[in-house]
Amino acid sequence: MKGALGNALIMNMVITFMVIFFSLLIGGMAYSKAHKVKNFIVNEIELFERQGKHEFNKPLFYKGEWDEKVNEYLGKVGYPIATNRSSCPDRSDEGYTKWIWTEPGRYDYCIYYKAIVTDSDSNPVIRQKYYYEVKAFMKMDLPVVGDMIKIPITSQTKAYTIYR
């Protein structure tokens, strides 16, 4: 009887160690994927701004070239597609405008736009500064709890300036 209890204790410890190890492994891979996607999207925004593509400064611009370029990359890395609209919260009370948001059938990331308008009396040279905030989601691909664990990873672009 003593040997059976000892073997059961060791077996439980091995199972616990394996669950912890695989959770860390899957979590690390999911974080790496979300971090890569976030960095790619930030780099693409900066590339669009550098090229002077003014359609990026309009809401719902993503129907054309943006979707082609970004969706191709997201498909290659295996980024998850959204199943509901609840991933991107409305942050209009903080001064953000939703630029791209999660819709069912689209990839699960958000881009927010925030403009900082300067007063002409305080700064006669700069009319407006703006930046983008990107939110990608780390989704753990676990069988039972995978849909419940969704951790946002955010980043901001540099501030862009519009002169008078």
C-alpha atoms as a PDB file:
ATOM      1  CA  MET A   1       0.000   0.000   0.000  1.00  0.00           C
ATOM      2  CA  LYS A   2       2.850   2.346   0.826  1.00  0.00           C
ATOM      3  CA  GLY A   3       4.429   1.808  -2.616  1.00  0.00           C
ATOM      4  CA  ALA A   4       1.151   2.534  -4.423  1.00  0.00           C
ATOM      5  CA  LEU A   5       0.713   5.860  -2.615  1.00  0.00           C
ATOM      6  CA  GLY A   6       4.297   6.828  -3.380  1.00  0.00           C
ATOM      7  CA  ASN A   7       3.879   5.970  -7.068  1.00  0.00           C
ATOM      8  CA  ALA A   8       0.603   7.951  -7.255  1.00  0.00           C
ATOM      9  CA  LEU A   9       2.284  10.986  -5.649  1.00  0.00           C
ATOM     10  CA  ILE A  10       5.177  10.842  -8.099  1.00  0.00           C
ATOM     11  CA  MET A  11       2.767  10.420 -11.017  1.00  0.00           C
ATOM     12  CA  ASN A  12       0.768  13.481  -9.888  1.00  0.00           C
ATOM     13  CA  MET A  13       3.959  15.518  -9.602  1.00  0.00           C
ATOM     14  CA  VAL A  14       5.030  14.467 -13.123  1.00  0.00           C
ATOM     15  CA  ILE A  15       1.606  15.358 -14.554  1.00  0.00           C
ATOM     16  CA  THR A  16       1.639  18.733 -12.786  1.00  0.00           C
ATOM     17  CA  PHE A  17       5.134  19.480 -14.076  1.00  0.00           C
ATOM     18  CA  MET A  18       4.110  18.536 -17.626  1.00  0.00           C
ATOM     19  CA  VAL A  19       1.012  20.761 -17.510  1.00  0.00           C
ATOM     20  CA  ILE A  20       3.066  23.716 -16.269  1.00  0.00           C
ATOM     21  CA  PHE A  21       5.801  23.107 -18.838  1.00  0.00           C
ATOM     22  CA  PHE A  22       3.397  22.838 -21.789  1.00  0.00           C
ATOM     23  CA  SER A  23       1.418  25.880 -20.613  1.00  0.00           C
ATOM     24  CA  LEU A  24       4.607  27.942 -20.536  1.00  0.00           C
ATOM     25  CA  LEU A  25       5.651  26.598 -23.937  1.00  0.00           C
ATOM     26  CA  ILE A  26       2.277  27.341 -25.565  1.00  0.00           C
ATOM     27  CA  GLY A  27       2.074  30.732 -23.836  1.00  0.00           C
ATOM     28  CA  GLY A  28       5.552  31.690 -25.031  1.00  0.00           C
ATOM     29  CA  MET A  29       4.723  30.734 -28.595  1.00  0.00           C
ATOM     30  CA  ALA A  30       1.434  32.669 -28.505  1.00  0.00           C
ATOM     31  CA  TYR A  31       3.152  35.753 -27.053  1.00  0.00           C
ATOM     32  CA  SER A  32       5.861  35.578 -29.707  1.00  0.00           C
ATOM     33  CA  LYS A  33       3.272  35.367 -32.486  1.00  0.00           C
ATOM     34  CA  ALA A  34       1.234  38.299 -31.132  1.00  0.00           C
ATOM     35  CA  HIS A  35       4.378  40.393 -30.616  1.00  0.00           C
ATOM     36  CA  LYS A  36       5.533  39.721 -34.202  1.00  0.00           C
ATOM     37  CA  VAL A  37       2.115  40.637 -35.570  1.00  0.00           C
ATOM     38  CA  LYS A  38       1.993  43.839 -33.529  1.00  0.00           C
ATOM     39  CA  ASN A  39       5.448  44.896 -34.704  1.00  0.00           C
ATOM     40  CA  PHE A  40       4.571  44.091 -38.324  1.00  0.00           C
ATOM     41  CA  ILE A  41       1.415  46.213 -38.174  1.00  0.00           C
ATOM     42  CA  VAL A  42       3.271  49.142 -36.577  1.00  0.00           C
ATOM     43  CA  ASN A  43       5.958  48.924 -39.267  1.00  0.00           C
ATOM     44  CA  GLU A  44       3.328  48.851 -42.015  1.00  0.00           C
ATOM     45  CA  ILE A  45       1.587  51.920 -40.570  1.00  0.00           C
ATOM     46  CA  GLU A  46       4.895  53.771 -40.510  1.00  0.00           C
ATOM     47  CA  LEU A  47       5.606  52.644 -44.083  1.00  0.00           C
ATOM     48  CA  PHE A  48       2.208  53.920 -45.258  1.00  0.00           C
ATOM     49  CA  GLU A  49       2.828  57.237 -43.490  1.00  0.00           C
ATOM     50  CA  ARG A  50       6.333  57.541 -44.938  1.00  0.00           C
ATOM     51  CA  GLN A  51       5.050  56.885 -48.445  1.00  0.00           C
ATOM     52  CA  GLY A  52       2.465  59.614 -48.008  1.00  0.00           C
ATOM     53  CA  LYS A  53      -0.518  57.377 -48.637  1.00  0.00           C
ATOM     54  CA  HIS A  54      -3.258  59.686 -47.526  1.00  0.00           C
ATOM     55  CA  GLU A  55      -5.934  57.024 -47.607  1.00  0.00           C
ATOM     56  CA  PHE A  56      -4.457  55.775 -44.352  1.00  0.00           C
ATOM     57  CA  ASN A  57      -5.727  58.939 -42.650  1.00  0.00           C
ATOM     58  CA  LYS A  58      -9.336  58.063 -43.463  1.00  0.00           C
ATOM     59  CA  PRO A  59     -11.468  55.570 -41.539  1.00  0.00           C
ATOM     60  CA  LEU A  60     -12.264  52.341 -43.377  1.00  0.00           C
ATOM     61  CA  PHE A  61      -9.245  52.711 -45.656  1.00  0.00           C
ATOM     62  CA  TYR A  62      -8.426  49.042 -45.211  1.00  0.00           C
ATOM     63  CA  LYS A  63     -10.534  47.754 -48.081  1.00  0.00           C
ATOM     64  CA  GLY A  64      -7.658  47.976 -50.538  1.00  0.00           C
ATOM     65  CA  GLU A  65      -3.908  47.767 -50.345  1.00  0.00           C
ATOM     66  CA  TRP A  66      -3.754  47.533 -46.547  1.00  0.00           C
ATOM     67  CA  ASP A  67      -5.835  44.370 -46.375  1.00  0.00           C
ATOM     68  CA  GLU A  68      -3.908  42.722 -49.184  1.00  0.00           C
ATOM     69  CA  LYS A  69      -0.539  43.296 -47.552  1.00  0.00           C
ATOM     70  CA  VAL A  70      -1.400  42.722 -43.902  1.00  0.00           C
ATOM     71  CA  ASN A  71      -3.805  39.812 -44.352  1.00  0.00           C
ATOM     72  CA  GLU A  72      -1.253  37.921 -46.414  1.00  0.00           C
ATOM     73  CA  TYR A  73       1.289  38.162 -43.586  1.00  0.00           C
ATOM     74  CA  LEU A  74      -1.236  37.328 -40.861  1.00  0.00           C
ATOM     75  CA  GLY A  75      -2.325  34.254 -42.791  1.00  0.00           C
ATOM     76  CA  LYS A  76       1.289  33.076 -43.120  1.00  0.00           C
ATOM     77  CA  VAL A  77       2.027  33.335 -39.397  1.00  0.00           C
ATOM     78  CA  GLY A  78      -1.273  31.685 -38.418  1.00  0.00           C
ATOM     79  CA  TYR A  79      -2.802  34.611 -36.541  1.00  0.00           C
ATOM     80  CA  PRO A  80      -6.382  33.894 -35.350  1.00  0.00           C
ATOM     81  CA  ILE A  81      -9.497  35.195 -37.078  1.00  0.00           C
ATOM     82  CA  ALA A  82     -12.096  36.912 -34.897  1.00  0.00           C
ATOM     83  CA  THR A  83     -15.333  35.168 -34.055  1.00  0.00           C
ATOM     84  CA  ASN A  84     -17.050  38.118 -32.340  1.00  0.00           C
ATOM     85  CA  ARG A  85     -16.842  41.916 -32.121  1.00  0.00           C
ATOM     86  CA  SER A  86     -15.952  42.231 -28.446  1.00  0.00           C
ATOM     87  CA  SER A  87     -12.148  42.291 -28.792  1.00  0.00           C
ATOM     88  CA  CYS A  88     -11.741  46.004 -29.544  1.00  0.00           C
ATOM     89  CA  PRO A  89     -13.281  48.208 -26.878  1.00  0.00           C
ATOM     90  CA  ASP A  90     -14.535  51.669 -27.737  1.00  0.00           C
ATOM     91  CA  ARG A  91     -12.052  54.171 -26.311  1.00  0.00           C
ATOM     92  CA  SER A  92     -13.657  57.379 -27.538  1.00  0.00           C
ATOM     93  CA  ASP A  93     -13.819  58.699 -23.971  1.00  0.00           C
ATOM     94  CA  GLU A  94      -9.990  58.679 -23.983  1.00  0.00           C
ATOM     95  CA  GLY A  95      -9.837  60.557 -27.293  1.00  0.00           C
ATOM     96  CA  TYR A  96      -9.137  57.542 -29.526  1.00  0.00           C
ATOM     97  CA  THR A  97     -10.925  56.812 -32.770  1.00  0.00           C
ATOM     98  CA  LYS A  98     -11.262  53.215 -33.930  1.00  0.00           C
ATOM     99  CA  TRP A  99      -9.417  52.900 -37.218  1.00  0.00           C
ATOM    100  CA  ILE A 100      -9.500  49.164 -37.779  1.00  0.00           C
ATOM    101  CA  TRP A 101     -11.414  46.947 -35.441  1.00  0.00           C
ATOM    102  CA  THR A 102     -12.339  43.342 -35.012  1.00  0.00           C
ATOM    103  CA  GLU A 103     -15.247  42.043 -37.023  1.00  0.00           C
ATOM    104  CA  PRO A 104     -16.238  38.405 -37.451  1.00  0.00           C
ATOM    105  CA  GLY A 105     -14.234  36.975 -40.334  1.00  0.00           C
ATOM    106  CA  ARG A 106     -11.380  39.514 -40.076  1.00  0.00           C
ATOM    107  CA  TYR A 107      -8.126  39.055 -38.224  1.00  0.00           C
ATOM    108  CA  ASP A 108      -8.266  39.882 -34.530  1.00  0.00           C
ATOM    109  CA  TYR A 109      -6.372  43.174 -34.100  1.00  0.00           C
ATOM    110  CA  CYS A 110      -7.276  46.805 -33.515  1.00  0.00           C
ATOM    111  CA  ILE A 111      -5.798  50.091 -34.643  1.00  0.00           C
ATOM    112  CA  TYR A 112      -6.751  53.288 -32.854  1.00  0.00           C
ATOM    113  CA  TYR A 113      -6.026  56.829 -34.016  1.00  0.00           C
ATOM    114  CA  LYS A 114      -5.499  59.738 -31.635  1.00  0.00           C
ATOM    115  CA  ALA A 115      -5.142  63.336 -32.775  1.00  0.00           C
ATOM    116  CA  ILE A 116      -3.770  66.081 -30.575  1.00  0.00           C
ATOM    117  CA  VAL A 117      -4.864  69.441 -31.948  1.00  0.00           C
ATOM    118  CA  THR A 118      -2.762  72.382 -30.817  1.00  0.00           C
ATOM    119  CA  ASP A 119      -4.060  75.870 -30.256  1.00  0.00           C
ATOM    120  CA  SER A 120      -2.789  78.435 -32.778  1.00  0.00           C
ATOM    121  CA  ASP A 121      -1.926  80.827 -29.947  1.00  0.00           C
ATOM    122  CA  SER A 122       0.246  78.348 -28.080  1.00  0.00           C
ATOM    123  CA  ASN A 123       2.038  76.976 -31.150  1.00  0.00           C
ATOM    124  CA  PRO A 124       1.764  78.872 -34.448  1.00  0.00           C
ATOM    125  CA  VAL A 125       3.808  76.285 -36.399  1.00  0.00           C
ATOM    126  CA  ILE A 126       2.193  72.934 -35.527  1.00  0.00           C
ATOM    127  CA  ARG A 127      -1.472  72.413 -36.352  1.00  0.00           C
ATOM    128  CA  GLN A 128      -1.895  68.817 -35.219  1.00  0.00           C
ATOM    129  CA  LYS A 129      -0.006  65.788 -33.946  1.00  0.00           C
ATOM    130  CA  TYR A 130      -1.367  62.299 -34.188  1.00  0.00           C
ATOM    131  CA  TYR A 131      -0.313  58.723 -33.589  1.00  0.00           C
ATOM    132  CA  TYR A 132      -1.695  55.235 -33.887  1.00  0.00           C
ATOM    133  CA  GLU A 133      -2.043  52.578 -31.230  1.00  0.00           C
ATOM    134  CA  VAL A 134      -2.019  48.927 -32.284  1.00  0.00           C
ATOM    135  CA  LYS A 135      -3.534  46.180 -30.182  1.00  0.00           C
ATOM    136  CA  ALA A 136      -2.850  42.547 -31.079  1.00  0.00           C
ATOM    137  CA  PHE A 137      -4.102  39.654 -29.005  1.00  0.00           C
ATOM    138  CA  MET A 138      -2.220  36.738 -27.538  1.00  0.00           C
ATOM    139  CA  LYS A 139      -4.541  33.772 -27.795  1.00  0.00           C
ATOM    140  CA  MET A 140      -3.559  30.503 -26.147  1.00  0.00           C
ATOM    141  CA  ASP A 141      -4.478  27.521 -28.295  1.00  0.00           C
ATOM    142  CA  LEU A 142      -5.495  25.240 -25.447  1.00  0.00           C
ATOM    143  CA  PRO A 143      -8.413  22.834 -25.923  1.00  0.00           C
ATOM    144  CA  VAL A 144     -10.762  23.839 -23.093  1.00  0.00           C
ATOM    145  CA  VAL A 145      -9.701  27.304 -21.931  1.00  0.00           C
ATOM    146  CA  GLY A 146      -8.194  28.595 -25.199  1.00  0.00           C
ATOM    147  CA  ASP A 147     -11.111  30.879 -26.076  1.00  0.00           C
ATOM    148  CA  MET A 148     -11.236  32.369 -22.594  1.00  0.00           C
ATOM    149  CA  ILE A 149      -7.585  33.454 -22.442  1.00  0.00           C
ATOM    150  CA  LYS A 150      -7.020  36.450 -24.698  1.00  0.00           C
ATOM    151  CA  ILE A 151      -4.354  38.922 -23.559  1.00  0.00           C
ATOM    152  CA  PRO A 152      -3.918  42.239 -25.422  1.00  0.00           C
ATOM    153  CA  ILE A 153      -0.450  43.432 -26.430  1.00  0.00           C
ATOM    154  CA  THR A 154      -0.291  47.119 -27.358  1.00  0.00           C
ATOM    155  CA  SER A 155       2.168  49.456 -28.984  1.00  0.00           C
ATOM    156  CA  GLN A 156       2.157  52.985 -30.390  1.00  0.00           C
ATOM    157  CA  THR A 157       3.671  54.490 -33.474  1.00  0.00           C
ATOM    158  CA  LYS A 158       5.734  57.623 -33.330  1.00  0.00           C
ATOM    159  CA  ALA A 159       3.900  60.924 -33.344  1.00  0.00           C
ATOM    160  CA  TYR A 160       3.295  62.451 -36.762  1.00  0.00           C
ATOM    161  CA  THR A 161       3.041  66.217 -37.189  1.00  0.00           C
ATOM    162  CA  ILE A 162       0.934  68.333 -39.519  1.00  0.00           C
ATOM    163  CA  TYR A 163       2.273  71.873 -39.908  1.00  0.00           C
ATOM    164  CA  ARG A 164       0.255  74.989 -40.626  1.00  0.00           C
END
